N, C-alpha and C. Protein backbone atom coordinates (compact mmCIF):
# COMPACT_ATOMS: atom_id res chain seq x y z
N MET A 1 -4.63 -0.46 -30.12
CA MET A 1 -3.85 -0.61 -29.88
C MET A 1 -3.31 1.03 -28.97
N ILE A 2 -2.36 1.31 -27.16
CA ILE A 2 -2.19 1.96 -26.99
C ILE A 2 -0.39 2.08 -27.47
N ASN A 3 -0.39 3.03 -27.56
CA ASN A 3 1.02 4.29 -27.32
C ASN A 3 1.19 4.87 -26.86
N ASN A 4 0.43 5.74 -25.80
CA ASN A 4 0.92 6.85 -25.34
C ASN A 4 1.15 6.41 -24.12
N LYS A 5 2.24 6.66 -23.32
CA LYS A 5 2.78 6.06 -21.95
C LYS A 5 2.26 7.08 -20.93
N ALA A 6 1.44 8.08 -21.21
CA ALA A 6 0.63 8.57 -20.45
C ALA A 6 -0.53 8.18 -20.34
N GLN A 7 -1.32 7.34 -20.95
CA GLN A 7 -2.96 6.47 -21.19
C GLN A 7 -2.60 5.14 -20.46
N ILE A 8 -1.23 4.57 -20.86
CA ILE A 8 -0.47 3.47 -20.08
C ILE A 8 -0.27 3.60 -18.58
N ASP A 9 0.40 4.62 -18.73
CA ASP A 9 0.43 4.95 -16.97
C ASP A 9 -0.90 4.74 -15.84
N ARG A 10 -1.71 5.48 -16.89
CA ARG A 10 -3.31 6.09 -16.16
C ARG A 10 -4.13 4.58 -15.90
N MET A 11 -4.13 4.30 -17.16
CA MET A 11 -4.38 2.57 -16.84
C MET A 11 -3.72 1.51 -15.65
N ASN A 12 -2.70 1.66 -15.73
CA ASN A 12 -1.55 0.89 -14.18
C ASN A 12 -2.03 1.58 -13.25
N GLU A 13 -2.41 3.22 -12.84
CA GLU A 13 -2.74 3.53 -11.80
C GLU A 13 -3.95 3.22 -11.43
N GLN A 14 -5.28 2.81 -12.36
CA GLN A 14 -6.18 2.32 -12.40
C GLN A 14 -6.44 0.97 -11.69
N LEU A 15 -5.88 -0.13 -12.37
CA LEU A 15 -5.57 -1.25 -12.35
C LEU A 15 -4.81 -1.41 -10.71
N ASP A 16 -4.09 -0.72 -9.85
CA ASP A 16 -3.31 -0.54 -8.84
C ASP A 16 -4.60 0.11 -7.72
N ASP A 17 -5.31 0.66 -8.13
CA ASP A 17 -6.58 1.34 -7.30
C ASP A 17 -7.78 0.24 -7.18
N LEU A 18 -7.93 -0.54 -8.26
CA LEU A 18 -9.04 -1.83 -8.17
C LEU A 18 -8.11 -2.74 -7.64
N LEU A 19 -6.74 -3.15 -7.39
CA LEU A 19 -6.87 -4.40 -7.08
C LEU A 19 -6.05 -4.11 -5.17
N GLY A 20 -5.51 -2.59 -5.33
CA GLY A 20 -5.21 -2.44 -3.88
C GLY A 20 -3.82 -2.31 -3.34
N PRO A 21 -2.89 -2.54 -2.67
CA PRO A 21 -1.68 -2.37 -2.13
C PRO A 21 -1.40 -4.07 -2.97
N LYS A 22 0.17 -4.46 -3.22
CA LYS A 22 0.81 -5.03 -4.58
C LYS A 22 0.66 -6.59 -3.04
N SER A 23 0.90 -7.71 -3.33
CA SER A 23 0.71 -8.55 -2.60
C SER A 23 2.73 -8.71 -1.37
N THR A 24 3.47 -7.86 -1.98
CA THR A 24 4.43 -8.08 -0.67
C THR A 24 4.16 -6.92 -0.44
N ASP A 25 3.09 -6.10 -0.10
CA ASP A 25 2.22 -4.85 0.63
C ASP A 25 1.78 -5.98 2.05
N GLU A 26 2.05 -6.49 2.95
CA GLU A 26 1.16 -6.64 3.96
C GLU A 26 0.16 -5.03 4.65
N MET A 27 -1.25 -5.83 4.14
CA MET A 27 -2.63 -5.12 4.08
C MET A 27 -2.61 -5.00 5.98
N VAL A 28 -2.86 -3.73 6.01
CA VAL A 28 -3.54 -3.54 7.68
C VAL A 28 -4.82 -4.42 7.82
N THR A 29 -5.41 -5.18 8.90
CA THR A 29 -6.21 -5.61 9.02
C THR A 29 -6.88 -5.00 10.37
N ARG A 30 -8.55 -5.82 10.62
CA ARG A 30 -9.11 -5.50 12.21
C ARG A 30 -8.61 -6.77 12.85
N GLU A 31 -7.75 -7.44 13.11
CA GLU A 31 -7.15 -8.25 14.22
C GLU A 31 -5.43 -7.30 14.09
N MET A 32 -5.00 -7.02 13.10
CA MET A 32 -4.01 -6.05 13.68
C MET A 32 -4.64 -5.02 14.58
N MET A 33 -5.50 -4.48 14.37
CA MET A 33 -5.86 -3.43 15.07
C MET A 33 -6.77 -3.94 16.29
N GLU A 34 -7.51 -4.79 16.93
CA GLU A 34 -7.10 -5.15 17.92
C GLU A 34 -6.41 -6.00 18.86
N ASP A 35 -4.71 -6.35 18.38
CA ASP A 35 -3.86 -6.82 19.00
C ASP A 35 -3.17 -5.58 19.13
N MET A 36 -3.31 -4.18 19.07
CA MET A 36 -2.73 -3.30 19.99
C MET A 36 -3.63 -3.34 21.04
N GLU A 37 -2.00 -2.84 21.88
CA GLU A 37 -1.77 -2.16 23.26
C GLU A 37 -1.84 -0.66 23.14
N VAL A 38 -2.12 -0.55 24.58
CA VAL A 38 -1.85 1.26 25.48
C VAL A 38 -0.22 1.85 24.60
N GLY A 39 -0.01 2.87 23.92
CA GLY A 39 1.13 3.26 23.40
C GLY A 39 1.56 2.33 22.11
N ASP A 40 1.20 1.70 21.71
CA ASP A 40 1.75 0.82 20.48
C ASP A 40 1.17 2.35 19.26
N GLN A 41 2.40 2.16 18.44
CA GLN A 41 2.06 2.58 17.39
C GLN A 41 2.00 1.30 15.83
N LEU A 42 1.36 2.12 14.99
CA LEU A 42 1.86 1.12 13.49
C LEU A 42 1.64 2.51 12.62
N GLU A 43 2.25 2.65 11.82
CA GLU A 43 2.97 3.30 10.61
C GLU A 43 2.24 2.85 8.93
N VAL A 44 1.38 3.63 8.39
CA VAL A 44 0.41 2.87 7.34
C VAL A 44 1.05 3.56 5.74
N SER A 45 1.12 3.21 5.19
CA SER A 45 1.50 3.69 4.09
C SER A 45 -0.28 3.58 3.33
N TYR A 46 -1.27 5.00 3.55
CA TYR A 46 -2.50 5.29 2.59
C TYR A 46 -2.00 5.75 1.17
N LYS A 47 -3.37 5.07 0.04
CA LYS A 47 -3.51 5.37 -1.08
C LYS A 47 -4.86 6.26 -1.49
N PHE A 48 -4.91 7.34 -1.38
CA PHE A 48 -6.20 7.45 -1.66
C PHE A 48 -6.19 8.69 -3.67
N ARG A 49 -7.54 8.25 -3.97
CA ARG A 49 -7.57 9.23 -4.97
C ARG A 49 -8.71 10.98 -4.44
N GLU A 50 -7.35 12.52 -5.27
CA GLU A 50 -8.52 13.62 -5.30
C GLU A 50 -7.82 14.27 -6.21
N PHE A 51 -9.09 14.95 -6.64
CA PHE A 51 -8.67 16.21 -7.48
C PHE A 51 -8.66 14.97 -9.08
N GLY A 52 -8.69 13.14 -9.13
CA GLY A 52 -8.13 12.84 -9.91
C GLY A 52 -6.75 12.67 -9.80
N MET A 53 -6.16 12.49 -8.71
CA MET A 53 -5.03 11.96 -9.10
C MET A 53 -5.27 10.66 -8.30
N THR A 54 -3.85 9.70 -8.00
CA THR A 54 -3.84 8.83 -7.18
C THR A 54 -2.59 10.04 -5.47
N LYS A 55 -2.55 9.55 -4.36
CA LYS A 55 -1.93 10.47 -3.63
C LYS A 55 -1.66 9.30 -2.64
N GLU A 56 -0.46 9.64 -2.17
CA GLU A 56 0.09 8.07 -0.91
C GLU A 56 -0.08 9.26 0.27
N ARG A 57 -0.15 8.86 1.07
CA ARG A 57 0.32 9.29 2.67
C ARG A 57 0.53 8.97 3.65
N THR A 58 1.19 8.83 4.13
CA THR A 58 2.14 8.37 4.80
C THR A 58 1.25 8.38 6.71
N LEU A 59 0.80 7.18 7.35
CA LEU A 59 -0.01 7.72 8.35
C LEU A 59 0.50 6.85 9.81
N VAL A 60 0.29 7.28 10.67
CA VAL A 60 0.06 7.01 12.34
C VAL A 60 -0.75 6.58 13.69
N ILE A 61 -0.95 5.48 13.38
CA ILE A 61 -2.41 4.69 14.10
C ILE A 61 -1.37 4.96 15.19
N GLU A 62 -2.27 5.06 16.98
CA GLU A 62 -1.95 4.95 17.75
C GLU A 62 -3.13 4.63 18.65
N ALA A 63 -2.26 3.95 19.76
CA ALA A 63 -4.00 3.54 21.15
C ALA A 63 -3.37 3.99 21.57
N TYR A 64 -4.46 4.22 22.46
CA TYR A 64 -3.96 4.89 24.13
C TYR A 64 -5.40 4.46 24.74
N GLU A 65 -5.49 5.14 26.16
CA GLU A 65 -6.39 4.19 26.92
C GLU A 65 -6.69 5.82 27.30
N SER A 66 -8.51 5.60 27.03
CA SER A 66 -9.78 6.18 27.50
C SER A 66 -10.18 5.80 27.60
N ILE A 67 -11.06 6.06 29.65
CA ILE A 67 -12.11 4.96 30.00
C ILE A 67 -12.19 4.05 30.35
N GLY A 68 -10.61 3.74 30.28
CA GLY A 68 -10.40 2.02 31.13
C GLY A 68 -10.85 1.40 30.06
N GLU A 69 -10.70 1.84 28.26
CA GLU A 69 -10.87 1.55 26.80
C GLU A 69 -9.29 1.48 25.94
N VAL A 70 -9.31 0.56 25.17
CA VAL A 70 -7.99 1.17 24.49
C VAL A 70 -9.12 1.55 23.08
N GLN A 71 -8.75 2.98 22.95
CA GLN A 71 -9.06 3.45 21.59
C GLN A 71 -8.29 4.27 20.61
N PHE A 72 -8.23 4.58 19.38
CA PHE A 72 -7.13 4.81 18.81
C PHE A 72 -7.62 5.77 18.34
N PHE A 73 -6.15 6.59 17.75
CA PHE A 73 -6.10 8.19 16.78
C PHE A 73 -5.62 7.45 15.58
N VAL A 74 -5.77 8.48 14.92
CA VAL A 74 -4.88 8.18 12.90
C VAL A 74 -4.06 9.51 13.08
N ARG A 75 -3.13 10.01 12.05
CA ARG A 75 -2.19 11.44 12.21
C ARG A 75 -1.66 10.81 10.97
N ALA A 76 -1.76 12.31 10.30
CA ALA A 76 -0.53 12.12 9.43
C ALA A 76 1.00 11.82 10.06
N LYS A 77 1.65 11.57 9.15
CA LYS A 77 3.36 10.84 10.13
C LYS A 77 3.51 12.29 10.52
N ASN A 78 3.66 13.70 8.86
CA ASN A 78 4.32 14.48 9.17
C ASN A 78 3.51 15.64 10.42
N ASN A 79 2.57 15.07 10.72
CA ASN A 79 1.32 15.77 11.77
C ASN A 79 1.68 16.99 11.36
N MET A 80 1.28 17.74 10.29
CA MET A 80 0.66 18.29 9.71
C MET A 80 -1.49 18.94 9.13
N LEU A 81 -1.65 17.49 9.74
CA LEU A 81 -2.72 17.85 9.23
C LEU A 81 -4.06 17.60 10.80
N GLY A 82 -3.28 17.76 11.78
CA GLY A 82 -3.73 17.60 12.71
C GLY A 82 -4.27 15.82 13.30
N SER A 83 -5.26 15.26 13.76
CA SER A 83 -5.32 13.61 14.26
C SER A 83 -7.34 13.48 13.80
N MET A 84 -6.86 12.74 14.04
CA MET A 84 -9.11 11.69 13.87
C MET A 84 -9.12 10.54 14.86
N ASN A 85 -10.16 10.96 15.51
CA ASN A 85 -10.52 9.57 16.14
C ASN A 85 -10.74 8.64 16.02
N ILE A 86 -10.81 7.20 15.88
CA ILE A 86 -11.11 5.97 15.60
C ILE A 86 -12.64 5.79 16.78
N GLU A 87 -13.96 5.71 15.83
CA GLU A 87 -14.71 5.79 16.27
C GLU A 87 -15.37 4.41 16.08
N LYS A 88 -15.25 3.49 15.33
CA LYS A 88 -15.43 1.79 14.94
C LYS A 88 -13.86 1.36 13.92
N VAL A 89 -13.69 0.01 14.56
CA VAL A 89 -12.68 -0.55 13.53
C VAL A 89 -13.58 -1.62 12.92
N THR A 90 -13.95 -1.84 11.86
CA THR A 90 -15.22 -2.97 10.38
C THR A 90 -13.97 -4.00 10.52
N GLY A 91 -14.95 -5.05 9.87
CA GLY A 91 -13.87 -5.87 8.91
C GLY A 91 -13.16 -5.16 7.65
N THR A 92 -12.79 -4.06 7.42
CA THR A 92 -12.67 -3.31 6.08
C THR A 92 -12.61 -2.40 6.34
N ARG A 93 -12.13 -1.46 7.46
CA ARG A 93 -12.42 0.33 6.86
C ARG A 93 -12.06 0.11 8.41
N LEU A 94 -11.70 1.32 9.12
CA LEU A 94 -11.74 2.50 9.58
C LEU A 94 -12.72 3.31 9.69
N LYS A 95 -13.51 3.79 11.09
CA LYS A 95 -15.04 5.02 10.69
C LYS A 95 -13.52 5.89 11.27
N ALA A 96 -13.62 6.76 10.94
CA ALA A 96 -12.85 8.29 12.64
C ALA A 96 -13.73 9.36 11.98
N TYR A 97 -14.09 10.24 13.00
CA TYR A 97 -14.50 11.48 13.29
C TYR A 97 -13.57 12.55 13.93
N SER A 98 -13.71 13.82 13.64
CA SER A 98 -13.09 14.81 14.28
C SER A 98 -13.87 16.02 14.49
N TYR A 99 -13.58 16.56 15.47
CA TYR A 99 -14.49 17.98 15.43
C TYR A 99 -14.13 19.12 15.52
N ASP A 100 -14.34 20.48 14.46
CA ASP A 100 -13.68 21.77 14.53
C ASP A 100 -13.94 22.76 16.21
N LEU A 101 -13.49 24.07 15.30
CA LEU A 101 -13.70 25.37 16.51
C LEU A 101 -15.41 25.04 16.66
N MET A 102 -15.97 24.88 15.45
CA MET A 102 -17.02 25.48 15.44
C MET A 102 -18.22 24.38 16.28
N SER A 103 -17.44 23.54 16.41
CA SER A 103 -17.93 21.20 17.09
C SER A 103 -18.60 21.12 16.18
N GLN A 104 -17.94 21.41 14.43
CA GLN A 104 -18.47 20.64 13.56
C GLN A 104 -17.81 19.35 13.15
N ARG A 105 -18.85 18.52 13.08
CA ARG A 105 -18.21 16.63 13.24
C ARG A 105 -17.66 16.41 11.25
N THR A 106 -16.52 15.70 11.53
CA THR A 106 -15.72 15.95 9.94
C THR A 106 -15.98 14.32 10.20
N THR A 107 -16.54 13.04 9.30
CA THR A 107 -16.08 11.65 9.66
C THR A 107 -15.47 11.01 7.63
N TYR A 108 -14.84 10.47 7.93
CA TYR A 108 -13.43 9.96 6.69
C TYR A 108 -14.02 8.15 7.23
N ASP A 109 -13.68 7.49 6.43
CA ASP A 109 -13.80 6.23 6.06
C ASP A 109 -12.36 5.44 5.81
N PHE A 110 -11.30 4.87 5.80
CA PHE A 110 -10.10 4.88 5.85
C PHE A 110 -10.55 3.09 5.68
N LYS A 111 -10.09 2.73 4.27
CA LYS A 111 -10.47 1.77 3.83
C LYS A 111 -9.15 0.30 4.09
N PHE A 112 -9.13 -0.31 4.71
CA PHE A 112 -8.03 -1.86 4.57
C PHE A 112 -7.47 -1.61 3.50
N ARG A 113 -8.12 -1.64 2.81
CA ARG A 113 -7.53 -2.38 1.30
C ARG A 113 -7.04 -1.21 0.31
N GLN A 114 -6.83 -0.17 1.16
CA GLN A 114 -5.67 1.00 0.72
C GLN A 114 -5.00 1.10 1.91
N MET A 115 -4.41 0.20 2.57
CA MET A 115 -3.00 0.77 3.23
C MET A 115 -2.17 -0.59 3.26
N ALA A 116 -1.04 -0.22 3.93
CA ALA A 116 0.28 -1.27 3.26
C ALA A 116 0.73 -0.66 4.87
N VAL A 117 0.79 -1.87 5.72
CA VAL A 117 1.59 -1.53 6.38
C VAL A 117 3.40 -1.30 6.42
N VAL A 118 3.79 -0.01 7.09
CA VAL A 118 5.17 0.37 6.18
C VAL A 118 6.49 -0.18 7.37
N ASN A 119 5.57 -0.18 9.09
CA ASN A 119 6.62 -0.12 10.11
C ASN A 119 5.67 -0.24 11.31
N VAL A 120 5.76 -1.23 11.93
CA VAL A 120 5.16 -1.58 13.14
C VAL A 120 5.33 -1.36 14.09
């Protein structure tokens, strides 16, 4: 039997990580991304684990035109962390990248199951 509130909270966090957003949250999907047009913005809540803790950030995904195609980038809503270009939209994730001042490429996968729509 578990008596420690901290243990219960930790187990609930682990369950949330496994299950993703609750059913009341609308998850981001590939179709949503494909329906975006130049100038559209999608505000999402993104949950992730860092240093053993669950964290949540509000991100903005924006569509823009480049070389005659609709492209996307993602940035933090407060815009303190810069932005990343979206290289590819798959059925389960956004594959993002950025380059630093020394031309070092950094990549990150934003998983749809960890995103919930906040505002369209």
